Amino acid sequence: MIKLSQAVVVEGKYDKITLSSIIDAVIIVTNGFGIFKDKEKLELIKFYAETTGILIMTDSDRAGFIIRNHIKGTVRNGKIKNVYIPDIMGKEKRKIKPSAEGKLGVEGMNKEIILKALEKAGVTADETVKDPDSRITKTDLFELGLSGGKDSSTLRRKLLTYLKLPSLLSANSMLEVLNTMMERKKLFKIMEEQFKGGQ
């Protein structure tokens, strides 16, 4: 498993599944052209571009380039690196027929090709993996009153403001961001000191 400091932007959930077995990083899914209307997702991408930097790894077909260019045009500030997968003709196993242009997408790439694409983009990686016990979970958010309660959205907004994060973030998006910023202990400490434990 290769650990990346940048967030990786991909088109679909199957791309994310493929990458999750190769890299340890925040992976943001655009849901194809859904990104054009998804303000929250764009805010999240902008946040990562300005903090950790982002890697755009869309498919090498026309749609992939349209999405890539839209993100580059929308994210004015921050660090963006383009990671390009090669043109390989074929069909993903789960699909009945190939894509319109007949090229394999990110989900159809093997580990060696993905790592080579990252290398070509000048992305350096650590061969380290974060201790799984230090990760913040959905259960932690629930325990701290940040999800599942009647005042959760208010408390979530207060925490997001305190951390200087976009206030539009949902609980799930916030969870991803928190895990790049801090370990579990630190979140509990912030909630205790700033928000009296959350509840």
C-alpha atoms as a PDB file:
ATOM      1  CA  MET A   1       0.000   0.000   0.000  1.00  0.00           C
ATOM      2  CA  ILE A   2       1.383   3.388  -1.042  1.00  0.00           C
ATOM      3  CA  LYS A   3       0.524   6.404   1.122  1.00  0.00           C
ATOM      4  CA  LEU A   4      -0.098   9.698  -0.677  1.00  0.00           C
ATOM      5  CA  SER A   5      -0.406  13.083   1.006  1.00  0.00           C
ATOM      6  CA  GLN A   6      -2.557  14.515  -1.819  1.00  0.00           C
ATOM      7  CA  ALA A   7      -6.244  13.823  -2.363  1.00  0.00           C
ATOM      8  CA  VAL A   8      -6.984  11.919  -5.585  1.00  0.00           C
ATOM      9  CA  VAL A   9      -9.941  12.893  -7.790  1.00  0.00           C
ATOM     10  CA  VAL A  10     -11.501  10.105  -9.890  1.00  0.00           C
ATOM     11  CA  GLU A  11     -14.697   9.762 -11.915  1.00  0.00           C
ATOM     12  CA  GLY A  12     -16.559   6.820 -10.440  1.00  0.00           C
ATOM     13  CA  LYS A  13     -16.930   4.469  -7.477  1.00  0.00           C
ATOM     14  CA  TYR A  14     -15.282   1.567  -9.338  1.00  0.00           C
ATOM     15  CA  ASP A  15     -12.214   3.755  -9.970  1.00  0.00           C
ATOM     16  CA  LYS A  16     -12.150   4.430  -6.235  1.00  0.00           C
ATOM     17  CA  ILE A  17     -12.379   0.704  -5.451  1.00  0.00           C
ATOM     18  CA  THR A  18      -9.426  -0.043  -7.759  1.00  0.00           C
ATOM     19  CA  LEU A  19      -7.289   2.742  -6.280  1.00  0.00           C
ATOM     20  CA  SER A  20      -8.201   1.887  -2.673  1.00  0.00           C
ATOM     21  CA  SER A  21      -6.365  -1.422  -3.036  1.00  0.00           C
ATOM     22  CA  ILE A  22      -3.204   0.340  -4.265  1.00  0.00           C
ATOM     23  CA  ILE A  23      -2.991   3.675  -2.450  1.00  0.00           C
ATOM     24  CA  ASP A  24      -3.766   5.011   1.012  1.00  0.00           C
ATOM     25  CA  ALA A  25      -5.190   8.459   0.299  1.00  0.00           C
ATOM     26  CA  VAL A  26      -8.386  10.475   0.294  1.00  0.00           C
ATOM     27  CA  ILE A  27     -10.169   9.559  -2.940  1.00  0.00           C
ATOM     28  CA  ILE A  28     -12.907  11.922  -4.145  1.00  0.00           C
ATOM     29  CA  VAL A  29     -15.426  10.627  -6.700  1.00  0.00           C
ATOM     30  CA  THR A  30     -16.882  13.176  -9.154  1.00  0.00           C
ATOM     31  CA  ASN A  31     -19.764  10.880 -10.204  1.00  0.00           C
ATOM     32  CA  GLY A  32     -18.913  11.639 -13.819  1.00  0.00           C
ATOM     33  CA  PHE A  33     -20.465  14.885 -15.047  1.00  0.00           C
ATOM     34  CA  GLY A  34     -22.280  15.125 -11.683  1.00  0.00           C
ATOM     35  CA  ILE A  35     -19.375  17.327 -10.561  1.00  0.00           C
ATOM     36  CA  PHE A  36     -20.723  20.191 -12.698  1.00  0.00           C
ATOM     37  CA  LYS A  37     -23.664  20.621 -10.311  1.00  0.00           C
ATOM     38  CA  ASP A  38     -22.182  19.341  -7.046  1.00  0.00           C
ATOM     39  CA  LYS A  39     -21.148  22.495  -5.141  1.00  0.00           C
ATOM     40  CA  GLU A  40     -20.208  20.581  -1.993  1.00  0.00           C
ATOM     41  CA  LYS A  41     -17.879  18.249  -3.899  1.00  0.00           C
ATOM     42  CA  LEU A  42     -16.227  21.200  -5.679  1.00  0.00           C
ATOM     43  CA  GLU A  43     -15.721  22.969  -2.339  1.00  0.00           C
ATOM     44  CA  LEU A  44     -14.087  19.813  -1.015  1.00  0.00           C
ATOM     45  CA  ILE A  45     -11.793  19.574  -4.048  1.00  0.00           C
ATOM     46  CA  LYS A  46     -10.855  23.275  -3.652  1.00  0.00           C
ATOM     47  CA  PHE A  47     -10.093  22.704   0.030  1.00  0.00           C
ATOM     48  CA  TYR A  48      -7.742  19.831  -0.723  1.00  0.00           C
ATOM     49  CA  ALA A  49      -6.096  21.733  -3.602  1.00  0.00           C
ATOM     50  CA  GLU A  50      -5.254  24.561  -1.199  1.00  0.00           C
ATOM     51  CA  THR A  51      -4.077  22.302   1.644  1.00  0.00           C
ATOM     52  CA  THR A  52      -2.608  18.931   0.633  1.00  0.00           C
ATOM     53  CA  GLY A  53      -2.856  19.397  -3.133  1.00  0.00           C
ATOM     54  CA  ILE A  54      -4.898  17.203  -5.489  1.00  0.00           C
ATOM     55  CA  LEU A  55      -4.129  14.622  -8.136  1.00  0.00           C
ATOM     56  CA  ILE A  56      -6.640  14.430 -10.982  1.00  0.00           C
ATOM     57  CA  MET A  57      -6.824  10.880 -12.336  1.00  0.00           C
ATOM     58  CA  THR A  58      -9.755  10.707 -14.725  1.00  0.00           C
ATOM     59  CA  ASP A  59     -10.136   8.268 -17.638  1.00  0.00           C
ATOM     60  CA  SER A  60      -8.220   8.962 -20.840  1.00  0.00           C
ATOM     61  CA  ASP A  61     -11.354   9.358 -22.971  1.00  0.00           C
ATOM     62  CA  ARG A  62     -13.124  12.604 -23.982  1.00  0.00           C
ATOM     63  CA  ALA A  63     -15.421  12.599 -20.947  1.00  0.00           C
ATOM     64  CA  GLY A  64     -12.415  12.204 -18.641  1.00  0.00           C
ATOM     65  CA  PHE A  65     -10.725  15.238 -20.203  1.00  0.00           C
ATOM     66  CA  ILE A  66     -13.900  17.355 -19.986  1.00  0.00           C
ATOM     67  CA  ILE A  67     -14.156  16.565 -16.243  1.00  0.00           C
ATOM     68  CA  ARG A  68     -10.424  17.188 -15.742  1.00  0.00           C
ATOM     69  CA  ASN A  69     -10.600  20.574 -17.494  1.00  0.00           C
ATOM     70  CA  HIS A  70     -13.703  21.594 -15.560  1.00  0.00           C
ATOM     71  CA  ILE A  71     -11.950  20.919 -12.250  1.00  0.00           C
ATOM     72  CA  LYS A  72      -8.810  22.772 -13.362  1.00  0.00           C
ATOM     73  CA  GLY A  73     -10.957  25.721 -14.465  1.00  0.00           C
ATOM     74  CA  THR A  74     -12.922  25.814 -11.219  1.00  0.00           C
ATOM     75  CA  VAL A  75     -10.042  25.349  -8.787  1.00  0.00           C
ATOM     76  CA  ARG A  76      -8.193  28.630  -9.203  1.00  0.00           C
ATOM     77  CA  ASN A  77      -5.800  28.292  -6.260  1.00  0.00           C
ATOM     78  CA  GLY A  78      -3.824  25.425  -4.867  1.00  0.00           C
ATOM     79  CA  LYS A  79      -1.686  22.587  -6.097  1.00  0.00           C
ATOM     80  CA  ILE A  80      -3.032  20.423  -8.914  1.00  0.00           C
ATOM     81  CA  LYS A  81      -1.151  17.586 -10.557  1.00  0.00           C
ATOM     82  CA  ASN A  82      -2.520  15.713 -13.535  1.00  0.00           C
ATOM     83  CA  VAL A  83      -2.026  11.966 -13.512  1.00  0.00           C
ATOM     84  CA  TYR A  84      -2.679  10.440 -16.926  1.00  0.00           C
ATOM     85  CA  ILE A  85      -3.418   6.770 -17.476  1.00  0.00           C
ATOM     86  CA  PRO A  86      -2.349   5.373 -20.867  1.00  0.00           C
ATOM     87  CA  ASP A  87      -4.715   4.645 -23.744  1.00  0.00           C
ATOM     88  CA  ILE A  88      -5.325   0.912 -23.415  1.00  0.00           C
ATOM     89  CA  MET A  89      -8.121  -0.576 -25.494  1.00  0.00           C
ATOM     90  CA  GLY A  90     -10.366  -3.087 -23.782  1.00  0.00           C
ATOM     91  CA  LYS A  91     -13.389  -3.635 -21.566  1.00  0.00           C
ATOM     92  CA  GLU A  92     -13.713  -3.778 -17.781  1.00  0.00           C
ATOM     93  CA  LYS A  93     -14.815  -7.193 -16.462  1.00  0.00           C
ATOM     94  CA  ARG A  94     -18.054  -5.885 -14.932  1.00  0.00           C
ATOM     95  CA  LYS A  95     -19.180  -4.247 -18.203  1.00  0.00           C
ATOM     96  CA  ILE A  96     -21.137  -5.986 -20.949  1.00  0.00           C
ATOM     97  CA  LYS A  97     -19.547  -3.877 -23.693  1.00  0.00           C
ATOM     98  CA  PRO A  98     -16.597  -1.472 -23.930  1.00  0.00           C
ATOM     99  CA  SER A  99     -16.970   2.298 -23.378  1.00  0.00           C
ATOM    100  CA  ALA A 100     -17.878   4.512 -26.361  1.00  0.00           C
ATOM    101  CA  GLU A 101     -14.204   5.037 -27.221  1.00  0.00           C
ATOM    102  CA  GLY A 102     -13.239   1.465 -26.353  1.00  0.00           C
ATOM    103  CA  LYS A 103     -10.602   2.502 -23.802  1.00  0.00           C
ATOM    104  CA  LEU A 104     -10.108   1.068 -20.335  1.00  0.00           C
ATOM    105  CA  GLY A 105     -10.792   3.524 -17.522  1.00  0.00           C
ATOM    106  CA  VAL A 106      -8.943   3.912 -14.218  1.00  0.00           C
ATOM    107  CA  GLU A 107     -10.859   0.918 -12.810  1.00  0.00           C
ATOM    108  CA  GLY A 108      -9.382  -1.331 -15.519  1.00  0.00           C
ATOM    109  CA  MET A 109      -5.748  -0.469 -14.755  1.00  0.00           C
ATOM    110  CA  ASN A 110      -3.460  -2.774 -12.786  1.00  0.00           C
ATOM    111  CA  LYS A 111      -1.193  -1.708  -9.918  1.00  0.00           C
ATOM    112  CA  GLU A 112       1.957  -1.371 -12.062  1.00  0.00           C
ATOM    113  CA  ILE A 113       0.237   0.961 -14.552  1.00  0.00           C
ATOM    114  CA  ILE A 114      -1.235   3.131 -11.776  1.00  0.00           C
ATOM    115  CA  LEU A 115       2.139   3.409 -10.011  1.00  0.00           C
ATOM    116  CA  LYS A 116       3.881   4.223 -13.303  1.00  0.00           C
ATOM    117  CA  ALA A 117       1.294   6.955 -14.032  1.00  0.00           C
ATOM    118  CA  LEU A 118       1.890   8.463 -10.567  1.00  0.00           C
ATOM    119  CA  GLU A 119       5.655   8.309 -11.112  1.00  0.00           C
ATOM    120  CA  LYS A 120       5.358  10.081 -14.477  1.00  0.00           C
ATOM    121  CA  ALA A 121       3.356  12.855 -12.791  1.00  0.00           C
ATOM    122  CA  GLY A 122       6.189  13.296 -10.288  1.00  0.00           C
ATOM    123  CA  VAL A 123       4.166  12.025  -7.350  1.00  0.00           C
ATOM    124  CA  THR A 124       6.290  10.692  -4.509  1.00  0.00           C
ATOM    125  CA  ALA A 125       4.842   8.257  -2.021  1.00  0.00           C
ATOM    126  CA  ASP A 126       5.645   6.816   1.386  1.00  0.00           C
ATOM    127  CA  GLU A 127       5.455   3.083   1.877  1.00  0.00           C
ATOM    128  CA  THR A 128       3.851   3.654   5.267  1.00  0.00           C
ATOM    129  CA  VAL A 129       0.315   3.022   6.374  1.00  0.00           C
ATOM    130  CA  LYS A 130      -1.461   4.869   9.152  1.00  0.00           C
ATOM    131  CA  ASP A 131      -2.344   2.916  12.269  1.00  0.00           C
ATOM    132  CA  PRO A 132      -5.997   1.858  11.671  1.00  0.00           C
ATOM    133  CA  ASP A 133      -6.842   2.471  15.358  1.00  0.00           C
ATOM    134  CA  SER A 134      -5.989   6.150  14.990  1.00  0.00           C
ATOM    135  CA  ARG A 135      -8.613   6.685  12.261  1.00  0.00           C
ATOM    136  CA  ILE A 136     -11.812   8.578  13.033  1.00  0.00           C
ATOM    137  CA  THR A 137     -14.933   6.506  12.354  1.00  0.00           C
ATOM    138  CA  LYS A 138     -18.642   7.188  11.834  1.00  0.00           C
ATOM    139  CA  THR A 139     -19.204   5.807  15.336  1.00  0.00           C
ATOM    140  CA  ASP A 140     -16.864   8.472  16.727  1.00  0.00           C
ATOM    141  CA  LEU A 141     -18.856  11.210  14.979  1.00  0.00           C
ATOM    142  CA  PHE A 142     -22.055   9.783  16.448  1.00  0.00           C
ATOM    143  CA  GLU A 143     -20.536   9.569  19.949  1.00  0.00           C
ATOM    144  CA  LEU A 144     -19.376  13.176  19.726  1.00  0.00           C
ATOM    145  CA  GLY A 145     -22.814  14.348  18.586  1.00  0.00           C
ATOM    146  CA  LEU A 146     -21.577  15.296  15.124  1.00  0.00           C
ATOM    147  CA  SER A 147     -24.007  12.958  13.359  1.00  0.00           C
ATOM    148  CA  GLY A 148     -27.325  11.298  14.071  1.00  0.00           C
ATOM    149  CA  GLY A 149     -28.572  13.809  16.669  1.00  0.00           C
ATOM    150  CA  LYS A 150     -31.051  16.680  16.467  1.00  0.00           C
ATOM    151  CA  ASP A 151     -28.323  19.330  16.896  1.00  0.00           C
ATOM    152  CA  SER A 152     -25.672  17.453  14.902  1.00  0.00           C
ATOM    153  CA  SER A 153     -25.698  19.729  11.852  1.00  0.00           C
ATOM    154  CA  THR A 154     -25.288  22.844  14.060  1.00  0.00           C
ATOM    155  CA  LEU A 155     -22.405  21.281  15.987  1.00  0.00           C
ATOM    156  CA  ARG A 156     -20.853  20.075  12.736  1.00  0.00           C
ATOM    157  CA  ARG A 157     -20.978  23.609  11.304  1.00  0.00           C
ATOM    158  CA  LYS A 158     -19.338  24.990  14.458  1.00  0.00           C
ATOM    159  CA  LEU A 159     -16.533  22.435  14.210  1.00  0.00           C
ATOM    160  CA  LEU A 160     -16.069  23.121  10.478  1.00  0.00           C
ATOM    161  CA  THR A 161     -15.865  26.875  11.184  1.00  0.00           C
ATOM    162  CA  TYR A 162     -13.361  26.248  13.989  1.00  0.00           C
ATOM    163  CA  LEU A 163     -11.210  24.112  11.661  1.00  0.00           C
ATOM    164  CA  LYS A 164     -11.603  26.646   8.791  1.00  0.00           C
ATOM    165  CA  LEU A 165     -13.262  24.055   6.552  1.00  0.00           C
ATOM    166  CA  PRO A 166     -16.146  24.564   4.059  1.00  0.00           C
ATOM    167  CA  SER A 167     -19.419  24.750   5.994  1.00  0.00           C
ATOM    168  CA  LEU A 168     -21.220  22.826   3.216  1.00  0.00           C
ATOM    169  CA  LEU A 169     -19.496  19.534   4.101  1.00  0.00           C
ATOM    170  CA  SER A 170     -21.777  16.611   4.958  1.00  0.00           C
ATOM    171  CA  ALA A 171     -20.903  14.225   7.815  1.00  0.00           C
ATOM    172  CA  ASN A 172     -19.352  11.728   5.363  1.00  0.00           C
ATOM    173  CA  SER A 173     -17.227  14.334   3.585  1.00  0.00           C
ATOM    174  CA  MET A 174     -16.179  15.808   6.919  1.00  0.00           C
ATOM    175  CA  LEU A 175     -15.082  12.358   8.090  1.00  0.00           C
ATOM    176  CA  GLU A 176     -12.742  12.029   5.088  1.00  0.00           C
ATOM    177  CA  VAL A 177     -11.249  15.470   5.680  1.00  0.00           C
ATOM    178  CA  LEU A 178     -10.784  14.930   9.427  1.00  0.00           C
ATOM    179  CA  ASN A 179      -8.869  11.731   8.758  1.00  0.00           C
ATOM    180  CA  THR A 180      -6.351  13.639   6.637  1.00  0.00           C
ATOM    181  CA  MET A 181      -5.959  16.374   9.231  1.00  0.00           C
ATOM    182  CA  MET A 182      -5.740  14.565  12.537  1.00  0.00           C
ATOM    183  CA  GLU A 183      -5.904  11.359  14.504  1.00  0.00           C
ATOM    184  CA  ARG A 184      -8.843  10.197  16.602  1.00  0.00           C
ATOM    185  CA  LYS A 185      -7.360  11.407  19.921  1.00  0.00           C
ATOM    186  CA  LYS A 186      -6.938  14.939  18.609  1.00  0.00           C
ATOM    187  CA  LEU A 187     -10.582  15.191  17.481  1.00  0.00           C
ATOM    188  CA  PHE A 188     -11.828  14.034  20.897  1.00  0.00           C
ATOM    189  CA  LYS A 189      -9.520  16.596  22.550  1.00  0.00           C
ATOM    190  CA  ILE A 190     -10.816  19.452  20.343  1.00  0.00           C
ATOM    191  CA  MET A 191     -14.431  18.470  21.011  1.00  0.00           C
ATOM    192  CA  GLU A 192     -13.772  18.292  24.774  1.00  0.00           C
ATOM    193  CA  GLU A 193     -11.927  21.598  24.974  1.00  0.00           C
ATOM    194  CA  GLN A 194     -13.878  23.666  22.457  1.00  0.00           C
ATOM    195  CA  PHE A 195     -17.341  22.130  22.547  1.00  0.00           C
ATOM    196  CA  LYS A 196     -17.498  20.432  25.968  1.00  0.00           C
ATOM    197  CA  GLY A 197     -17.376  16.911  24.537  1.00  0.00           C
ATOM    198  CA  GLY A 198     -19.919  17.634  21.840  1.00  0.00           C
ATOM    199  CA  GLN A 199     -23.035  16.381  23.616  1.00  0.00           C
END
